[in-house]
Protein backbone atom coordinates (compact mmCIF):
# COMPACT_ATOMS: atom_id res chain seq x y z
CA MET A 1 -8.04 4.74 7.22
CA THR A 2 -4.56 5.99 7.90
CA LYS A 3 -4.77 7.56 11.37
CA ASN A 4 -1.95 5.30 12.63
CA TRP A 5 0.39 6.46 9.86
CA PRO A 6 1.69 9.71 11.42
CA THR A 7 3.22 7.87 14.37
CA PHE A 8 4.44 5.08 12.13
CA LEU A 9 6.05 7.50 9.70
CA GLN A 10 7.74 9.63 12.38
CA ASN A 11 10.15 6.82 13.07
CA PRO A 12 12.93 6.64 10.50
CA PHE A 13 12.66 3.45 8.51
CA ARG A 14 13.87 1.97 5.30
CA LEU A 15 11.32 2.25 2.53
CA PRO A 16 9.89 -1.09 1.42
CA GLU A 17 11.68 -2.40 -1.64
CA THR A 18 9.31 -5.20 -2.60
CA VAL A 19 5.57 -5.64 -2.83
CA ALA A 20 5.77 -8.19 -0.01
CA GLU A 21 7.53 -5.68 2.26
CA ALA A 22 4.94 -3.03 1.43
CA VAL A 23 2.10 -5.41 2.28
CA GLU A 24 3.82 -6.33 5.54
CA ARG A 25 4.06 -2.62 6.48
CA LEU A 26 0.42 -2.04 5.59
CA MET A 27 -0.68 -5.02 7.67
CA ALA A 28 1.16 -3.46 10.61
CA VAL A 29 -0.21 0.06 10.21
CA LEU A 30 -3.81 -0.44 9.12
CA GLU A 31 -6.44 -0.87 11.78
CA ASP A 32 -8.26 -4.20 11.94
CA GLU A 33 -11.58 -2.62 10.98
CA HIS A 34 -10.05 -1.17 7.82
CA LYS A 35 -8.43 -4.46 6.91
CA ALA A 36 -11.83 -6.14 7.37
CA VAL A 37 -13.50 -3.63 5.02
CA LEU A 38 -10.80 -4.17 2.41
CA ALA A 39 -11.01 -7.95 2.76
CA ILE A 40 -14.73 -8.13 1.96
CA MET A 41 -14.53 -5.88 -1.10
CA GLN A 42 -14.78 -7.29 -4.57
CA GLU A 43 -11.46 -7.19 -6.43
CA GLU A 44 -12.88 -4.98 -9.17
CA ASP A 45 -13.86 -2.37 -6.53
CA LEU A 46 -10.30 -1.90 -5.22
CA ILE A 47 -9.95 1.12 -7.52
CA ASP A 48 -12.12 2.95 -4.97
CA PHE A 49 -8.98 3.23 -2.83
CA HIS A 50 -6.99 5.12 -5.47
CA PHE A 51 -7.37 8.57 -3.89
CA SER A 52 -7.23 7.45 -0.24
CA LEU A 53 -5.08 4.45 0.60
CA GLY A 54 -3.44 4.56 -2.82
CA MET A 55 -2.31 8.16 -2.34
CA ALA A 56 -1.03 7.37 1.16
CA ILE A 57 0.97 4.44 -0.24
CA ARG A 58 2.41 6.51 -3.09
CA ASN A 59 3.53 9.27 -0.73
CA ALA A 60 4.70 7.19 2.24
CA PHE A 61 6.57 4.56 0.27
CA GLY A 62 8.36 6.91 -2.13
CA LEU A 63 6.74 5.66 -5.30
CA HIS A 64 7.27 9.04 -6.98
CA VAL A 65 11.04 8.54 -6.84
CA PRO A 66 12.07 7.37 -10.34
CA TRP A 67 14.68 4.89 -9.06
CA SER A 68 12.33 3.38 -6.46
CA LYS A 69 13.01 -0.32 -5.97
CA LEU A 70 9.40 -0.76 -4.89
CA LEU A 71 8.16 0.79 -8.13
CA ALA A 72 10.31 -1.70 -10.04
CA SER A 73 9.12 -4.58 -7.84
CA CYS A 74 5.54 -3.69 -8.77
CA GLY A 75 6.45 -4.04 -12.43
CA ALA A 76 5.08 -0.56 -12.96
CA VAL A 77 6.39 2.65 -14.46
CA HIS A 78 3.82 4.96 -12.91
CA PRO A 79 3.25 5.37 -9.14
CA ASP A 80 -0.53 5.13 -9.62
CA ASP A 81 -0.16 1.70 -11.17
CA ALA A 82 2.28 0.60 -8.47
CA SER A 83 -0.05 1.58 -5.63
CA GLY A 84 -2.77 -0.44 -7.36
CA VAL A 85 -0.50 -3.48 -7.46
CA ILE A 86 0.23 -3.07 -3.74
CA ILE A 87 -3.43 -2.66 -2.81
CA GLN A 88 -4.30 -5.76 -4.82
CA ALA A 89 -1.51 -7.72 -3.09
CA LEU A 90 -2.78 -6.51 0.29
CA TRP A 91 -6.31 -7.57 -0.65
CA ARG A 92 -5.04 -11.01 -1.65
CA ALA A 93 -3.15 -11.35 1.63
CA LEU A 94 -6.35 -10.53 3.51
CA GLN A 95 -8.24 -13.27 1.66
CA THR A 96 -6.37 -15.99 3.53
């Protein structure tokens, strides 16, 4: 699901600071087939992405950094919760 990430992450970039910025980055990096799979999932099944896409989000977007603006934007204290918020926002964006 994240084979495009190594190239994407090699380029220096500013970490996303808001959920909207994180979703925008994910829309750019995820392949269309993976976005399609995510889009047809039921909302309650999004937890299935916790150890795959969720882990990639936590690591790539610096959610383990205590002063992370993105963590605060998610309204979360824990990186696991924040990645869930981002995945849910991505799923919602794919519903349109």
